[in-house]
Protein backbone atom coordinates (compact mmCIF):
# COMPACT_ATOMS: atom_id res chain seq x y z
CA MET A 1 99.07 140.71 41.94
CA SER A 2 95.47 140.61 41.31
CA ASP A 3 92.93 140.58 44.12
CA ASN A 4 91.90 137.13 43.49
CA THR A 5 95.64 135.74 43.41
CA MET A 6 96.04 137.07 46.86
CA ILE A 7 92.95 135.52 48.16
CA LEU A 8 93.99 132.09 46.76
CA ILE A 9 97.35 132.43 47.96
CA TRP A 10 96.07 133.29 51.58
CA LEU A 11 93.01 130.48 51.47
CA GLY A 12 96.13 128.04 50.39
CA LEU A 13 98.13 129.05 53.29
CA THR A 14 95.49 128.92 55.55
CA VAL A 15 94.67 125.32 54.43
CA VAL A 16 98.20 124.41 54.67
CA PHE A 17 98.86 125.58 58.09
CA ALA A 18 95.66 123.98 59.25
CA VAL A 19 96.62 120.51 57.82
CA ILE A 20 100.08 120.98 59.42
CA GLU A 21 98.33 121.82 62.74
CA GLY A 22 95.89 118.64 62.28
CA ALA A 23 98.54 116.34 61.51
CA THR A 24 100.80 117.34 64.70
CA ALA A 25 100.26 116.44 68.24
CA GLN A 26 101.27 120.03 69.67
CA LEU A 27 100.21 123.40 68.93
CA THR A 28 102.68 124.24 65.91
CA THR A 29 100.91 126.44 63.42
CA VAL A 30 97.57 127.58 64.95
CA TRP A 31 98.90 131.32 64.98
CA PHE A 32 99.70 131.15 61.61
CA ALA A 33 96.75 129.94 60.37
CA LEU A 34 94.88 132.64 62.40
CA GLY A 35 97.13 135.44 60.89
CA SER A 36 96.27 134.07 57.28
CA ILE A 37 92.82 133.99 57.71
CA VAL A 38 93.12 137.94 58.92
CA ALA A 39 95.08 138.46 55.73
CA LEU A 40 92.54 136.68 53.77
CA ILE A 41 89.69 138.56 54.89
CA LEU A 42 91.61 141.87 54.23
CA ALA A 43 92.47 140.66 50.60
CA ALA A 44 88.76 139.62 50.32
CA CYS A 45 87.60 143.10 51.50
CA GLY A 46 89.39 144.92 49.02
CA VAL A 47 92.87 145.72 50.56
CA LYS A 48 94.97 145.59 47.46
CA SER A 49 98.56 146.22 49.09
CA VAL A 50 100.43 142.95 49.49
CA THR A 51 102.67 144.72 51.96
CA THR A 52 99.81 145.60 54.27
CA GLN A 53 98.29 142.00 53.97
CA VAL A 54 101.73 140.54 55.26
CA VAL A 55 102.33 142.94 57.81
CA VAL A 56 98.87 142.07 59.10
CA PHE A 57 99.74 138.50 58.73
CA VAL A 58 102.86 138.63 60.59
CA ALA A 59 101.47 140.96 63.47
CA VAL A 60 98.34 138.88 63.87
CA SER A 61 100.53 135.54 64.24
CA VAL A 62 102.67 137.26 66.80
CA ILE A 63 100.22 138.57 68.84
CA SER A 64 98.02 135.67 69.04
CA LEU A 65 101.23 133.71 69.96
CA ILE A 66 102.34 135.90 72.81
CA ALA A 67 98.58 136.24 73.87
CA THR A 68 98.16 132.19 74.12
CA ARG A 69 101.80 131.40 75.12
CA PRO A 70 101.24 131.22 78.85
CA LEU A 71 98.23 128.66 77.95
CA VAL A 72 99.92 126.91 75.79
CA LYS A 73 102.90 126.33 78.09
CA LYS A 74 100.45 125.09 80.60
CA ILE A 75 98.77 122.61 78.40
CA ILE A 76 102.34 121.34 76.66
CA HIS A 77 104.45 120.92 80.13
CA LYS A 78 101.92 119.19 82.30
CA ARG A 79 103.67 118.61 85.80
CA VAL A 80 104.47 114.83 86.11
CA GLU A 81 103.15 113.47 89.28
CA PRO A 82 105.06 111.14 91.06
CA THR A 83 103.67 107.56 91.84
CA ASN A 84 104.51 105.04 94.37
CA ALA A 85 106.36 103.23 91.62
CA ASP A 86 108.67 106.30 91.35
CA ARG A 87 110.08 105.42 94.95
CA ASN A 88 111.62 102.38 93.46
CA ILE A 89 114.18 104.39 91.54
CA GLY A 90 117.56 104.03 92.92
CA GLU A 91 116.58 101.04 95.11
CA THR A 92 118.39 97.41 94.99
CA GLY A 93 116.56 94.41 93.92
CA VAL A 94 117.75 90.81 93.18
CA THR A 95 117.19 88.88 89.74
CA VAL A 96 115.11 86.12 90.23
CA SER A 97 115.88 85.05 86.57
CA GLU A 98 118.33 85.91 84.07
CA ILE A 99 117.57 89.31 82.56
CA ASN A 100 118.37 88.98 78.50
CA ASN A 101 116.86 91.93 76.48
CA MET A 102 117.10 90.03 73.28
CA LEU A 103 115.09 87.25 74.67
CA GLY A 104 112.96 89.39 76.21
CA THR A 105 113.62 87.80 79.45
CA GLY A 106 114.27 88.80 83.12
CA GLU A 107 112.45 89.50 86.63
CA VAL A 108 113.71 91.39 89.60
CA ASN A 109 112.37 90.94 93.35
CA LEU A 110 112.10 94.37 94.76
CA LYS A 111 110.77 94.75 98.06
CA GLY A 112 109.20 91.45 97.84
CA THR A 113 107.49 91.94 94.42
CA ILE A 114 108.52 90.60 91.35
CA TRP A 115 108.88 92.85 88.25
CA THR A 116 109.56 92.30 84.75
CA ALA A 117 113.02 93.89 84.24
CA ARG A 118 115.39 94.68 81.21
CA SER A 119 118.85 95.90 81.46
CA GLU A 120 119.91 99.48 80.59
CA ASP A 121 122.85 98.82 78.31
CA ASP A 122 121.43 95.37 76.69
CA SER A 123 123.84 93.57 78.65
CA VAL A 124 122.79 89.84 80.06
CA ILE A 125 122.66 89.90 83.96
CA PRO A 126 122.78 86.50 85.69
CA LYS A 127 120.08 85.01 88.34
CA ASP A 128 120.72 86.10 91.52
CA SER A 129 122.50 89.51 90.73
CA GLU A 130 122.09 92.62 92.84
CA VAL A 131 120.65 95.20 90.65
CA THR A 132 120.05 98.74 90.83
CA VAL A 133 116.85 100.39 89.56
CA LEU A 134 117.62 103.22 87.28
CA LYS A 135 113.98 103.86 85.96
CA ILE A 136 110.71 102.51 85.20
CA GLU A 137 109.08 102.22 82.09
CA GLY A 138 105.71 101.14 81.81
CA VAL A 139 105.54 98.24 84.32
CA LYS A 140 109.26 97.09 83.44
CA LEU A 141 112.35 98.26 85.53
CA ILE A 142 115.37 99.29 83.84
CA VAL A 143 118.17 98.14 85.70
CA LYS A 144 121.80 97.91 85.88
CA LYS A 145 124.44 95.29 87.81
CA VAL A 146 125.52 96.40 90.95
CA ASN A 147 129.34 96.37 90.88
């Protein structure tokens, strides 16, 4: 392959990896973009061996991945801080209006506070039923009827 062909290939790969990285919410191809930039520089500086360029691309990608992995894990896997609302999970409340997910209705009195509620399995739960809080999504309780 000619020098210009490899320069265009590495430039194209760099652009593709950069576009993929820009389109995703997490770090996915940044290491490959870096590796392709280094291989592009090698090709532009006259390194004619495609094998050398590919080996350098792989090596730079792997080394940059290994070097940044702890930082990436820290960024991506942020610790979730529990809130006071999380303390309501597992608690029992009473429906003050019928819970009907299809109609988008339902409220639960939990420790003296009225919450909007939805059933976990889309079942209708009548008014004055005891329910257990399974989780909280936003400001809505996800509940199941106590048997």
